[in-house]
Amino acid sequence: MCELASTAGRSSWSLWKHAGVDLCRMVVLLFVVWPVGAALPVISKIERYGSNQVLVHFDVQPNTTCTLQWTDAVKTRSGSVNWSNLWVSPNLPFFEHYIIADTGTERQRFYRLQASP
């Protein structure tokens, strides 16, 4: 089951939790700074795909580039977090919905979606 908490405004945090038998725990973190009145990019769904993958769903507005990033640890002993790019959307003049596959073999994985107009 997934739960979503978010706030509106120039800055928005969205936190998704996905708990399942095989996933154990998966947390998705989204932080973007976006112009007022523009639709915020949101990871809309994470679902199990087969025995060792997950699918991450999100929408991208026209003339926008979004980068889906992941990390296996949000807090480390050194305090730094190494985010890796999973996928970068092309900047297209129309709305698009994306479904990106990722491995689901880790006990937990954190995602964030960075957007730039």
PDB file of N, CA and C in Angstrom:
ATOM      1  N   MET A   1       0.841  -1.169   0.000  1.00  0.00           N
ATOM      2  CA  MET A   1       0.000   0.000   0.000  1.00  0.00           C
ATOM      3  C   MET A   1       0.888   1.235   0.000  1.00  0.00           C
ATOM      4  N   CYS A   2       0.485   2.272  -0.702  1.00  0.00           N
ATOM      5  CA  CYS A   2       1.261   3.504  -0.794  1.00  0.00           C
ATOM      6  C   CYS A   2       0.549   4.628  -0.067  1.00  0.00           C
ATOM      7  N   GLU A   3       1.325   5.491   0.555  1.00  0.00           N
ATOM      8  CA  GLU A   3       0.796   6.671   1.219  1.00  0.00           C
ATOM      9  C   GLU A   3       1.519   7.883   0.664  1.00  0.00           C
ATOM     10  N   LEU A   4       0.808   8.997   0.529  1.00  0.00           N
ATOM     11  CA  LEU A   4       1.404  10.205  -0.038  1.00  0.00           C
ATOM     12  C   LEU A   4       1.107  11.379   0.863  1.00  0.00           C
ATOM     13  N   ALA A   5       2.125  12.162   1.144  1.00  0.00           N
ATOM     14  CA  ALA A   5       1.954  13.417   1.874  1.00  0.00           C
ATOM     15  C   ALA A   5       2.661  14.495   1.081  1.00  0.00           C
ATOM     16  N   SER A   6       1.985  15.615   0.836  1.00  0.00           N
ATOM     17  CA  SER A   6       2.632  16.665   0.056  1.00  0.00           C
ATOM     18  C   SER A   6       2.142  18.030   0.493  1.00  0.00           C
ATOM     19  N   THR A   7       2.894  19.045   0.128  1.00  0.00           N
ATOM     20  CA  THR A   7       2.519  20.427   0.374  1.00  0.00           C
ATOM     21  C   THR A   7       2.608  21.170  -0.938  1.00  0.00           C
ATOM     22  N   ALA A   8       1.830  22.218  -1.077  1.00  0.00           N
ATOM     23  CA  ALA A   8       1.852  23.005  -2.309  1.00  0.00           C
ATOM     24  C   ALA A   8       2.627  24.295  -2.079  1.00  0.00           C
ATOM     25  N   GLY A   9       3.035  24.925  -3.138  1.00  0.00           N
ATOM     26  CA  GLY A   9       3.789  26.172  -3.052  1.00  0.00           C
ATOM     27  C   GLY A   9       4.959  26.139  -4.000  1.00  0.00           C
ATOM     28  N   ARG A  10       5.873  27.069  -3.823  1.00  0.00           N
ATOM     29  CA  ARG A  10       7.044  27.112  -4.689  1.00  0.00           C
ATOM     30  C   ARG A  10       7.928  25.895  -4.487  1.00  0.00           C
ATOM     31  N   SER A  11       8.020  25.436  -3.259  1.00  0.00           N
ATOM     32  CA  SER A  11       8.784  24.219  -2.987  1.00  0.00           C
ATOM     33  C   SER A  11       7.804  23.151  -2.528  1.00  0.00           C
ATOM     34  N   SER A  12       8.054  21.929  -2.910  1.00  0.00           N
ATOM     35  CA  SER A  12       7.133  20.854  -2.564  1.00  0.00           C
ATOM     36  C   SER A  12       7.906  19.599  -2.214  1.00  0.00           C
ATOM     37  N   TRP A  13       7.554  18.980  -1.121  1.00  0.00           N
ATOM     38  CA  TRP A  13       8.115  17.697  -0.727  1.00  0.00           C
ATOM     39  C   TRP A  13       7.012  16.667  -0.868  1.00  0.00           C
ATOM     40  N   SER A  14       7.281  15.575  -1.472  1.00  0.00           N
ATOM     41  CA  SER A  14       6.339  14.465  -1.534  1.00  0.00           C
ATOM     42  C   SER A  14       7.072  13.221  -1.053  1.00  0.00           C
ATOM     43  N   LEU A  15       6.453  12.502  -0.173  1.00  0.00           N
ATOM     44  CA  LEU A  15       7.080  11.309   0.381  1.00  0.00           C
ATOM     45  C   LEU A  15       6.161  10.123   0.149  1.00  0.00           C
ATOM     46  N   TRP A  16       6.665   9.129  -0.541  1.00  0.00           N
ATOM     47  CA  TRP A  16       5.914   7.907  -0.801  1.00  0.00           C
ATOM     48  C   TRP A  16       6.539   6.777  -0.001  1.00  0.00           C
ATOM     49  N   LYS A  17       5.704   5.942   0.557  1.00  0.00           N
ATOM     50  CA  LYS A  17       6.187   4.726   1.198  1.00  0.00           C
ATOM     51  C   LYS A  17       5.502   3.547   0.511  1.00  0.00           C
ATOM     52  N   HIS A  18       6.256   2.567   0.142  1.00  0.00           N
ATOM     53  CA  HIS A  18       5.708   1.385  -0.491  1.00  0.00           C
ATOM     54  C   HIS A  18       6.225   0.189   0.279  1.00  0.00           C
ATOM     55  N   ALA A  19       5.329  -0.543   0.917  1.00  0.00           N
ATOM     56  CA  ALA A  19       5.744  -1.709   1.693  1.00  0.00           C
ATOM     57  C   ALA A  19       5.110  -2.950   1.084  1.00  0.00           C
ATOM     58  N   GLY A  20       5.881  -3.962   0.879  1.00  0.00           N
ATOM     59  CA  GLY A  20       5.371  -5.203   0.326  1.00  0.00           C
ATOM     60  C   GLY A  20       6.179  -6.373   0.840  1.00  0.00           C
ATOM     61  N   VAL A  21       5.715  -7.545   0.591  1.00  0.00           N
ATOM     62  CA  VAL A  21       6.371  -8.746   1.075  1.00  0.00           C
ATOM     63  C   VAL A  21       7.795  -8.834   0.541  1.00  0.00           C
ATOM     64  N   ASP A  22       7.971  -8.611  -0.760  1.00  0.00           N
ATOM     65  CA  ASP A  22       9.296  -8.740  -1.364  1.00  0.00           C
ATOM     66  C   ASP A  22      10.105  -7.451  -1.298  1.00  0.00           C
ATOM     67  N   LEU A  23       9.413  -6.307  -1.294  1.00  0.00           N
ATOM     68  CA  LEU A  23      10.136  -5.038  -1.288  1.00  0.00           C
ATOM     69  C   LEU A  23      10.637  -4.671   0.088  1.00  0.00           C
ATOM     70  N   CYS A  24       9.954  -5.122   1.132  1.00  0.00           N
ATOM     71  CA  CYS A  24      10.270  -4.808   2.513  1.00  0.00           C
ATOM     72  C   CYS A  24       9.962  -3.338   2.785  1.00  0.00           C
ATOM     73  N   ARG A  25      10.731  -2.429   2.222  1.00  0.00           N
ATOM     74  CA  ARG A  25      10.469  -1.010   2.399  1.00  0.00           C
ATOM     75  C   ARG A  25      11.103  -0.246   1.251  1.00  0.00           C
ATOM     76  N   MET A  26      10.341   0.653   0.681  1.00  0.00           N
ATOM     77  CA  MET A  26      10.867   1.505  -0.382  1.00  0.00           C
ATOM     78  C   MET A  26      10.335   2.904  -0.144  1.00  0.00           C
ATOM     79  N   VAL A  27      11.215   3.880  -0.127  1.00  0.00           N
ATOM     80  CA  VAL A  27      10.826   5.254   0.122  1.00  0.00           C
ATOM     81  C   VAL A  27      11.238   6.090  -1.070  1.00  0.00           C
ATOM     82  N   VAL A  28      10.344   6.943  -1.525  1.00  0.00           N
ATOM     83  CA  VAL A  28      10.623   7.825  -2.647  1.00  0.00           C
ATOM     84  C   VAL A  28      10.530   9.246  -2.150  1.00  0.00           C
ATOM     85  N   LEU A  29      11.526  10.025  -2.447  1.00  0.00           N
ATOM     86  CA  LEU A  29      11.588  11.405  -2.002  1.00  0.00           C
ATOM     87  C   LEU A  29      11.640  12.298  -3.224  1.00  0.00           C
ATOM     88  N   LEU A  30      10.762  13.304  -3.244  1.00  0.00           N
ATOM     89  CA  LEU A  30      10.707  14.224  -4.377  1.00  0.00           C
ATOM     90  C   LEU A  30      10.825  15.633  -3.838  1.00  0.00           C
ATOM     91  N   PHE A  31      11.781  16.386  -4.359  1.00  0.00           N
ATOM     92  CA  PHE A  31      11.913  17.791  -3.993  1.00  0.00           C
ATOM     93  C   PHE A  31      12.184  18.574  -5.257  1.00  0.00           C
ATOM     94  N   VAL A  32      11.347  19.548  -5.505  1.00  0.00           N
ATOM     95  CA  VAL A  32      11.552  20.397  -6.665  1.00  0.00           C
ATOM     96  C   VAL A  32      11.240  21.841  -6.301  1.00  0.00           C
ATOM     97  N   VAL A  33      11.899  22.748  -6.964  1.00  0.00           N
ATOM     98  CA  VAL A  33      11.556  24.162  -6.896  1.00  0.00           C
ATOM     99  C   VAL A  33      10.983  24.477  -8.262  1.00  0.00           C
ATOM    100  N   TRP A  34       9.750  24.951  -8.293  1.00  0.00           N
ATOM    101  CA  TRP A  34       9.018  25.064  -9.545  1.00  0.00           C
ATOM    102  C   TRP A  34       8.287  26.390  -9.595  1.00  0.00           C
ATOM    103  N   PRO A  35       8.116  26.988 -10.764  1.00  0.00           N
ATOM    104  CA  PRO A  35       7.412  28.261 -10.876  1.00  0.00           C
ATOM    105  C   PRO A  35       5.968  28.154 -10.377  1.00  0.00           C
ATOM    106  N   VAL A  36       5.481  29.227  -9.745  1.00  0.00           N
ATOM    107  CA  VAL A  36       4.114  29.256  -9.241  1.00  0.00           C
ATOM    108  C   VAL A  36       3.150  29.103 -10.410  1.00  0.00           C
ATOM    109  N   GLY A  37       2.127  28.270 -10.245  1.00  0.00           N
ATOM    110  CA  GLY A  37       1.127  28.057 -11.277  1.00  0.00           C
ATOM    111  C   GLY A  37       1.450  26.909 -12.213  1.00  0.00           C
ATOM    112  N   ALA A  38       2.683  26.452 -12.242  1.00  0.00           N
ATOM    113  CA  ALA A  38       3.049  25.324 -13.098  1.00  0.00           C
ATOM    114  C   ALA A  38       2.757  24.022 -12.363  1.00  0.00           C
ATOM    115  N   ALA A  39       2.394  23.002 -13.103  1.00  0.00           N
ATOM    116  CA  ALA A  39       2.128  21.695 -12.504  1.00  0.00           C
ATOM    117  C   ALA A  39       3.437  21.076 -12.014  1.00  0.00           C
ATOM    118  N   LEU A  40       3.447  20.605 -10.773  1.00  0.00           N
ATOM    119  CA  LEU A  40       4.638  19.981 -10.207  1.00  0.00           C
ATOM    120  C   LEU A  40       4.786  18.560 -10.739  1.00  0.00           C
ATOM    121  N   PRO A  41       5.987  18.148 -11.087  1.00  0.00           N
ATOM    122  CA  PRO A  41       6.192  16.755 -11.467  1.00  0.00           C
ATOM    123  C   PRO A  41       6.107  15.877 -10.222  1.00  0.00           C
ATOM    124  N   VAL A  42       5.421  14.764 -10.339  1.00  0.00           N
ATOM    125  CA  VAL A  42       5.195  13.885  -9.198  1.00  0.00           C
ATOM    126  C   VAL A  42       5.382  12.439  -9.624  1.00  0.00           C
ATOM    127  N   ILE A  43       6.058  11.676  -8.794  1.00  0.00           N
ATOM    128  CA  ILE A  43       6.102  10.229  -8.996  1.00  0.00           C
ATOM    129  C   ILE A  43       4.736   9.724  -8.557  1.00  0.00           C
ATOM    130  N   SER A  44       3.962   9.209  -9.508  1.00  0.00           N
ATOM    131  CA  SER A  44       2.579   8.864  -9.229  1.00  0.00           C
ATOM    132  C   SER A  44       2.389   7.434  -8.740  1.00  0.00           C
ATOM    133  N   LYS A  45       3.339   6.546  -9.043  1.00  0.00           N
ATOM    134  CA  LYS A  45       3.145   5.153  -8.658  1.00  0.00           C
ATOM    135  C   LYS A  45       4.456   4.401  -8.722  1.00  0.00           C
ATOM    136  N   ILE A  46       4.613   3.463  -7.801  1.00  0.00           N
ATOM    137  CA  ILE A  46       5.717   2.506  -7.840  1.00  0.00           C
ATOM    138  C   ILE A  46       5.084   1.134  -7.666  1.00  0.00           C
ATOM    139  N   GLU A  47       5.395   0.220  -8.564  1.00  0.00           N
ATOM    140  CA  GLU A  47       4.786  -1.100  -8.478  1.00  0.00           C
ATOM    141  C   GLU A  47       5.801  -2.194  -8.765  1.00  0.00           C
ATOM    142  N   ARG A  48       5.561  -3.358  -8.186  1.00  0.00           N
ATOM    143  CA  ARG A  48       6.402  -4.526  -8.411  1.00  0.00           C
ATOM    144  C   ARG A  48       6.189  -5.010  -9.848  1.00  0.00           C
ATOM    145  N   TYR A  49       7.273  -5.402 -10.523  1.00  0.00           N
ATOM    146  CA  TYR A  49       7.200  -5.934 -11.874  1.00  0.00           C
ATOM    147  C   TYR A  49       8.043  -7.201 -11.909  1.00  0.00           C
ATOM    148  N   GLY A  50       7.409  -8.326 -12.011  1.00  0.00           N
ATOM    149  CA  GLY A  50       8.133  -9.590 -11.973  1.00  0.00           C
ATOM    150  C   GLY A  50       8.687  -9.854 -10.583  1.00  0.00           C
ATOM    151  N   SER A  51       9.730 -10.651 -10.520  1.00  0.00           N
ATOM    152  CA  SER A  51      10.291 -11.020  -9.218  1.00  0.00           C
ATOM    153  C   SER A  51      11.425 -10.118  -8.759  1.00  0.00           C
ATOM    154  N   ASN A  52      12.024  -9.327  -9.666  1.00  0.00           N
ATOM    155  CA  ASN A  52      13.187  -8.535  -9.244  1.00  0.00           C
ATOM    156  C   ASN A  52      13.224  -7.134  -9.844  1.00  0.00           C
ATOM    157  N   GLN A  53      12.066  -6.582 -10.218  1.00  0.00           N
ATOM    158  CA  GLN A  53      12.037  -5.222 -10.740  1.00  0.00           C
ATOM    159  C   GLN A  53      10.873  -4.438 -10.152  1.00  0.00           C
ATOM    160  N   VAL A  54      10.993  -3.114 -10.208  1.00  0.00           N
ATOM    161  CA  VAL A  54       9.901  -2.211  -9.875  1.00  0.00           C
ATOM    162  C   VAL A  54       9.720  -1.256 -11.050  1.00  0.00           C
ATOM    163  N   LEU A  55       8.520  -0.737 -11.198  1.00  0.00           N
ATOM    164  CA  LEU A  55       8.215   0.260 -12.225  1.00  0.00           C
ATOM    165  C   LEU A  55       7.899   1.573 -11.537  1.00  0.00           C
ATOM    166  N   VAL A  56       8.541   2.648 -11.971  1.00  0.00           N
ATOM    167  CA  VAL A  56       8.324   3.987 -11.418  1.00  0.00           C
ATOM    168  C   VAL A  56       7.567   4.782 -12.480  1.00  0.00           C
ATOM    169  N   HIS A  57       6.385   5.299 -12.110  1.00  0.00           N
ATOM    170  CA  HIS A  57       5.533   6.062 -13.026  1.00  0.00           C
ATOM    171  C   HIS A  57       5.607   7.546 -12.674  1.00  0.00           C
ATOM    172  N   PHE A  58       5.715   8.398 -13.694  1.00  0.00           N
ATOM    173  CA  PHE A  58       5.645   9.837 -13.465  1.00  0.00           C
ATOM    174  C   PHE A  58       5.289  10.547 -14.758  1.00  0.00           C
ATOM    175  N   ASP A  59       4.762  11.771 -14.629  1.00  0.00           N
ATOM    176  CA  ASP A  59       4.367  12.598 -15.761  1.00  0.00           C
ATOM    177  C   ASP A  59       5.353  13.742 -15.915  1.00  0.00           C
ATOM    178  N   VAL A  60       5.574  14.152 -17.163  1.00  0.00           N
ATOM    179  CA  VAL A  60       6.443  15.292 -17.455  1.00  0.00           C
ATOM    180  C   VAL A  60       5.652  16.292 -18.297  1.00  0.00           C
ATOM    181  N   GLN A  61       5.660  17.529 -17.857  1.00  0.00           N
ATOM    182  CA  GLN A  61       4.946  18.600 -18.551  1.00  0.00           C
ATOM    183  C   GLN A  61       5.702  19.005 -19.824  1.00  0.00           C
ATOM    184  N   PRO A  62       5.018  19.686 -20.747  1.00  0.00           N
ATOM    185  CA  PRO A  62       5.683  20.150 -21.973  1.00  0.00           C
ATOM    186  C   PRO A  62       6.886  21.041 -21.674  1.00  0.00           C
ATOM    187  N   ASN A  63       7.891  20.961 -22.516  1.00  0.00           N
ATOM    188  CA  ASN A  63       9.097  21.796 -22.432  1.00  0.00           C
ATOM    189  C   ASN A  63       9.812  21.670 -21.094  1.00  0.00           C
ATOM    190  N   THR A  64       9.835  20.465 -20.558  1.00  0.00           N
ATOM    191  CA  THR A  64      10.462  20.193 -19.266  1.00  0.00           C
ATOM    192  C   THR A  64      11.347  18.953 -19.385  1.00  0.00           C
ATOM    193  N   THR A  65      12.456  18.974 -18.682  1.00  0.00           N
ATOM    194  CA  THR A  65      13.322  17.804 -18.581  1.00  0.00           C
ATOM    195  C   THR A  65      13.303  17.312 -17.143  1.00  0.00           C
ATOM    196  N   CYS A  66      13.069  16.017 -16.946  1.00  0.00           N
ATOM    197  CA  CYS A  66      13.072  15.421 -15.609  1.00  0.00           C
ATOM    198  C   CYS A  66      14.138  14.342 -15.544  1.00  0.00           C
ATOM    199  N   THR A  67      14.830  14.294 -14.408  1.00  0.00           N
ATOM    200  CA  THR A  67      15.832  13.269 -14.162  1.00  0.00           C
ATOM    201  C   THR A  67      15.384  12.430 -12.979  1.00  0.00           C
ATOM    202  N   LEU A  68      15.208  11.133 -13.205  1.00  0.00           N
ATOM    203  CA  LEU A  68      14.872  10.200 -12.134  1.00  0.00           C
ATOM    204  C   LEU A  68      16.178   9.676 -11.567  1.00  0.00           C
ATOM    205  N   GLN A  69      16.384   9.889 -10.247  1.00  0.00           N
ATOM    206  CA  GLN A  69      17.623   9.476  -9.593  1.00  0.00           C
ATOM    207  C   GLN A  69      17.313   8.493  -8.472  1.00  0.00           C
ATOM    208  N   TRP A  70      18.321   7.703  -8.095  1.00  0.00           N
ATOM    209  CA  TRP A  70      18.159   6.738  -7.021  1.00  0.00           C
ATOM    210  C   TRP A  70      19.402   6.684  -6.145  1.00  0.00           C
ATOM    211  N   THR A  71      19.189   6.220  -4.914  1.00  0.00           N
ATOM    212  CA  THR A  71      20.275   5.916  -3.995  1.00  0.00           C
ATOM    213  C   THR A  71      19.784   4.815  -3.065  1.00  0.00           C
ATOM    214  N   ASP A  72      20.701   4.050  -2.516  1.00  0.00           N
ATOM    215  CA  ASP A  72      20.328   3.001  -1.563  1.00  0.00           C
ATOM    216  C   ASP A  72      20.423   3.473  -0.124  1.00  0.00           C
ATOM    217  N   ALA A  73      20.994   4.652   0.103  1.00  0.00           N
ATOM    218  CA  ALA A  73      21.124   5.179   1.463  1.00  0.00           C
ATOM    219  C   ALA A  73      20.956   6.693   1.443  1.00  0.00           C
ATOM    220  N   VAL A  74      20.002   7.203   2.215  1.00  0.00           N
ATOM    221  CA  VAL A  74      19.803   8.647   2.290  1.00  0.00           C
ATOM    222  C   VAL A  74      20.734   9.269   3.319  1.00  0.00           C
ATOM    223  N   LYS A  75      21.056   8.531   4.366  1.00  0.00           N
ATOM    224  CA  LYS A  75      21.954   9.048   5.399  1.00  0.00           C
ATOM    225  C   LYS A  75      23.141   8.101   5.522  1.00  0.00           C
ATOM    226  N   THR A  76      24.346   8.664   5.398  1.00  0.00           N
ATOM    227  CA  THR A  76      25.553   7.867   5.539  1.00  0.00           C
ATOM    228  C   THR A  76      26.372   8.395   6.711  1.00  0.00           C
ATOM    229  N   ARG A  77      27.371   7.650   7.100  1.00  0.00           N
ATOM    230  CA  ARG A  77      28.230   8.091   8.218  1.00  0.00           C
ATOM    231  C   ARG A  77      28.939   9.397   7.897  1.00  0.00           C
ATOM    232  N   SER A  78      29.328   9.568   6.633  1.00  0.00           N
ATOM    233  CA  SER A  78      30.039  10.784   6.251  1.00  0.00           C
ATOM    234  C   SER A  78      29.089  11.963   6.039  1.00  0.00           C
ATOM    235  N   GLY A  79      27.784  11.693   5.944  1.00  0.00           N
ATOM    236  CA  GLY A  79      26.817  12.766   5.744  1.00  0.00           C
ATOM    237  C   GLY A  79      26.518  13.072   4.288  1.00  0.00           C
ATOM    238  N   SER A  80      27.290  12.499   3.375  1.00  0.00           N
ATOM    239  CA  SER A  80      27.048  12.753   1.963  1.00  0.00           C
ATOM    240  C   SER A  80      26.202  11.631   1.372  1.00  0.00           C
ATOM    241  N   VAL A  81      25.420  11.977   0.366  1.00  0.00           N
ATOM    242  CA  VAL A  81      24.576  11.007  -0.318  1.00  0.00           C
ATOM    243  C   VAL A  81      24.960  10.995  -1.789  1.00  0.00           C
ATOM    244  N   ASN A  82      25.180   9.827  -2.320  1.00  0.00           N
ATOM    245  CA  ASN A  82      25.528   9.688  -3.734  1.00  0.00           C
ATOM    246  C   ASN A  82      24.292   9.279  -4.517  1.00  0.00           C
ATOM    247  N   TRP A  83      23.740  10.226  -5.284  1.00  0.00           N
ATOM    248  CA  TRP A  83      22.590   9.950  -6.137  1.00  0.00           C
ATOM    249  C   TRP A  83      23.098   9.549  -7.510  1.00  0.00           C
ATOM    250  N   SER A  84      22.449   8.554  -8.104  1.00  0.00           N
ATOM    251  CA  SER A  84      22.787   8.102  -9.455  1.00  0.00           C
ATOM    252  C   SER A  84      21.600   8.343 -10.373  1.00  0.00           C
ATOM    253  N   ASN A  85      21.882   8.756 -11.597  1.00  0.00           N
ATOM    254  CA  ASN A  85      20.820   8.962 -12.569  1.00  0.00           C
ATOM    255  C   ASN A  85      20.344   7.617 -13.089  1.00  0.00           C
ATOM    256  N   LEU A  86      19.043   7.413 -13.034  1.00  0.00           N
ATOM    257  CA  LEU A  86      18.448   6.219 -13.602  1.00  0.00           C
ATOM    258  C   LEU A  86      17.961   6.494 -15.021  1.00  0.00           C
ATOM    259  N   TRP A  87      17.390   7.699 -15.226  1.00  0.00           N
ATOM    260  CA  TRP A  87      16.851   8.025 -16.543  1.00  0.00           C
ATOM    261  C   TRP A  87      16.633   9.530 -16.646  1.00  0.00           C
ATOM    262  N   VAL A  88      16.851  10.096 -17.840  1.00  0.00           N
ATOM    263  CA  VAL A  88      16.616  11.515 -18.111  1.00  0.00           C
ATOM    264  C   VAL A  88      15.631  11.616 -19.266  1.00  0.00           C
ATOM    265  N   SER A  89      14.548  12.372 -19.057  1.00  0.00           N
ATOM    266  CA  SER A  89      13.538  12.525 -20.109  1.00  0.00           C
ATOM    267  C   SER A  89      14.012  13.529 -21.149  1.00  0.00           C
ATOM    268  N   PRO A  90      13.597  13.337 -22.386  1.00  0.00           N
ATOM    269  CA  PRO A  90      13.889  14.353 -23.407  1.00  0.00           C
ATOM    270  C   PRO A  90      13.001  15.570 -23.187  1.00  0.00           C
ATOM    271  N   ASN A  91      13.443  16.722 -23.597  1.00  0.00           N
ATOM    272  CA  ASN A  91      12.650  17.944 -23.495  1.00  0.00           C
ATOM    273  C   ASN A  91      11.739  18.005 -24.725  1.00  0.00           C
ATOM    274  N   LEU A  92      10.458  17.694 -24.525  1.00  0.00           N
ATOM    275  CA  LEU A  92       9.499  17.602 -25.621  1.00  0.00           C
ATOM    276  C   LEU A  92       8.457  18.704 -25.518  1.00  0.00           C
ATOM    277  N   PRO A  93       7.851  19.124 -26.620  1.00  0.00           N
ATOM    278  CA  PRO A  93       6.858  20.207 -26.584  1.00  0.00           C
ATOM    279  C   PRO A  93       5.458  19.741 -26.177  1.00  0.00           C
ATOM    280  N   PHE A  94       5.333  18.515 -25.653  1.00  0.00           N
ATOM    281  CA  PHE A  94       4.025  18.006 -25.246  1.00  0.00           C
ATOM    282  C   PHE A  94       4.155  17.189 -23.965  1.00  0.00           C
ATOM    283  N   PHE A  95       3.016  16.982 -23.293  1.00  0.00           N
ATOM    284  CA  PHE A  95       2.913  16.206 -22.063  1.00  0.00           C
ATOM    285  C   PHE A  95       3.263  14.747 -22.350  1.00  0.00           C
ATOM    286  N   GLU A  96       3.923  14.087 -21.394  1.00  0.00           N
ATOM    287  CA  GLU A  96       4.276  12.683 -21.573  1.00  0.00           C
ATOM    288  C   GLU A  96       4.221  11.952 -20.230  1.00  0.00           C
ATOM    289  N   HIS A  97       3.759  10.702 -20.244  1.00  0.00           N
ATOM    290  CA  HIS A  97       3.768   9.829 -19.062  1.00  0.00           C
ATOM    291  C   HIS A  97       4.856   8.777 -19.281  1.00  0.00           C
ATOM    292  N   TYR A  98       5.702   8.588 -18.269  1.00  0.00           N
ATOM    293  CA  TYR A  98       6.797   7.631 -18.383  1.00  0.00           C
ATOM    294  C   TYR A  98       6.649   6.529 -17.342  1.00  0.00           C
ATOM    295  N   ILE A  99       7.079   5.338 -17.718  1.00  0.00           N
ATOM    296  CA  ILE A  99       7.155   4.191 -16.816  1.00  0.00           C
ATOM    297  C   ILE A  99       8.567   3.645 -16.953  1.00  0.00           C
ATOM    298  N   ILE A 100       9.357   3.790 -15.892  1.00  0.00           N
ATOM    299  CA  ILE A 100      10.772   3.419 -15.916  1.00  0.00           C
ATOM    300  C   ILE A 100      10.991   2.201 -15.017  1.00  0.00           C
ATOM    301  N   ALA A 101      11.641   1.186 -15.539  1.00  0.00           N
ATOM    302  CA  ALA A 101      11.926  -0.030 -14.777  1.00  0.00           C
ATOM    303  C   ALA A 101      13.252   0.100 -14.038  1.00  0.00           C
ATOM    304  N   ASP A 102      13.295  -0.467 -12.835  1.00  0.00           N
ATOM    305  CA  ASP A 102      14.520  -0.494 -12.041  1.00  0.00           C
ATOM    306  C   ASP A 102      14.563  -1.834 -11.312  1.00  0.00           C
ATOM    307  N   THR A 103      15.766  -2.244 -10.911  1.00  0.00           N
ATOM    308  CA  THR A 103      15.886  -3.487 -10.153  1.00  0.00           C
ATOM    309  C   THR A 103      15.242  -3.313  -8.784  1.00  0.00           C
ATOM    310  N   GLY A 104      14.619  -4.347  -8.291  1.00  0.00           N
ATOM    311  CA  GLY A 104      13.961  -4.299  -6.989  1.00  0.00           C
ATOM    312  C   GLY A 104      14.547  -5.295  -6.026  1.00  0.00           C
ATOM    313  N   THR A 105      15.835  -5.569  -6.155  1.00  0.00           N
ATOM    314  CA  THR A 105      16.469  -6.591  -5.331  1.00  0.00           C
ATOM    315  C   THR A 105      17.009  -6.047  -4.009  1.00  0.00           C
ATOM    316  N   GLU A 106      17.133  -4.736  -3.884  1.00  0.00           N
ATOM    317  CA  GLU A 106      17.636  -4.138  -2.639  1.00  0.00           C
ATOM    318  C   GLU A 106      16.537  -4.118  -1.578  1.00  0.00           C
ATOM    319  N   ARG A 107      16.930  -4.140  -0.322  1.00  0.00           N
ATOM    320  CA  ARG A 107      15.967  -4.074   0.775  1.00  0.00           C
ATOM    321  C   ARG A 107      15.200  -2.756   0.737  1.00  0.00           C
ATOM    322  N   GLN A 108      15.896  -1.678   0.426  1.00  0.00           N
ATOM    323  CA  GLN A 108      15.254  -0.382   0.265  1.00  0.00           C
ATOM    324  C   GLN A 108      15.989   0.416  -0.791  1.00  0.00           C
ATOM    325  N   ARG A 109      15.260   1.292  -1.462  1.00  0.00           N
ATOM    326  CA  ARG A 109      15.848   2.164  -2.467  1.00  0.00           C
ATOM    327  C   ARG A 109      15.083   3.478  -2.414  1.00  0.00           C
ATOM    328  N   PHE A 110      15.793   4.586  -2.541  1.00  0.00           N
ATOM    329  CA  PHE A 110      15.203   5.911  -2.488  1.00  0.00           C
ATOM    330  C   PHE A 110      15.271   6.531  -3.881  1.00  0.00           C
ATOM    331  N   TYR A 111      14.195   7.212  -4.270  1.00  0.00           N
ATOM    332  CA  TYR A 111      14.123   7.869  -5.575  1.00  0.00           C
ATOM    333  C   TYR A 111      13.836   9.352  -5.399  1.00  0.00           C
ATOM    334  N   ARG A 112      14.313  10.142  -6.334  1.00  0.00           N
ATOM    335  CA  ARG A 112      13.896  11.530  -6.397  1.00  0.00           C
ATOM    336  C   ARG A 112      13.775  11.901  -7.870  1.00  0.00           C
ATOM    337  N   LEU A 113      12.933  12.878  -8.119  1.00  0.00           N
ATOM    338  CA  LEU A 113      12.674  13.348  -9.470  1.00  0.00           C
ATOM    339  C   LEU A 113      13.054  14.816  -9.512  1.00  0.00           C
ATOM    340  N   GLN A 114      14.058  15.160 -10.302  1.00  0.00           N
ATOM    341  CA  GLN A 114      14.486  16.535 -10.446  1.00  0.00           C
ATOM    342  C   GLN A 114      14.003  17.047 -11.798  1.00  0.00           C
ATOM    343  N   ALA A 115      13.420  18.236 -11.790  1.00  0.00           N
ATOM    344  CA  ALA A 115      12.886  18.806 -13.022  1.00  0.00           C
ATOM    345  C   ALA A 115      13.495  20.169 -13.280  1.00  0.00           C
ATOM    346  N   SER A 116      13.650  20.472 -14.553  1.00  0.00           N
ATOM    347  CA  SER A 116      14.115  21.802 -14.938  1.00  0.00           C
ATOM    348  C   SER A 116      13.315  22.242 -16.165  1.00  0.00           C
ATOM    349  N   PRO A 117      12.770  23.449 -16.112  1.00  0.00           N
ATOM    350  CA  PRO A 117      11.965  23.947 -17.250  1.00  0.00           C
ATOM    351  C   PRO A 117      12.833  24.287 -18.448  1.00  0.00           C
TER     352      PRO A 117
END
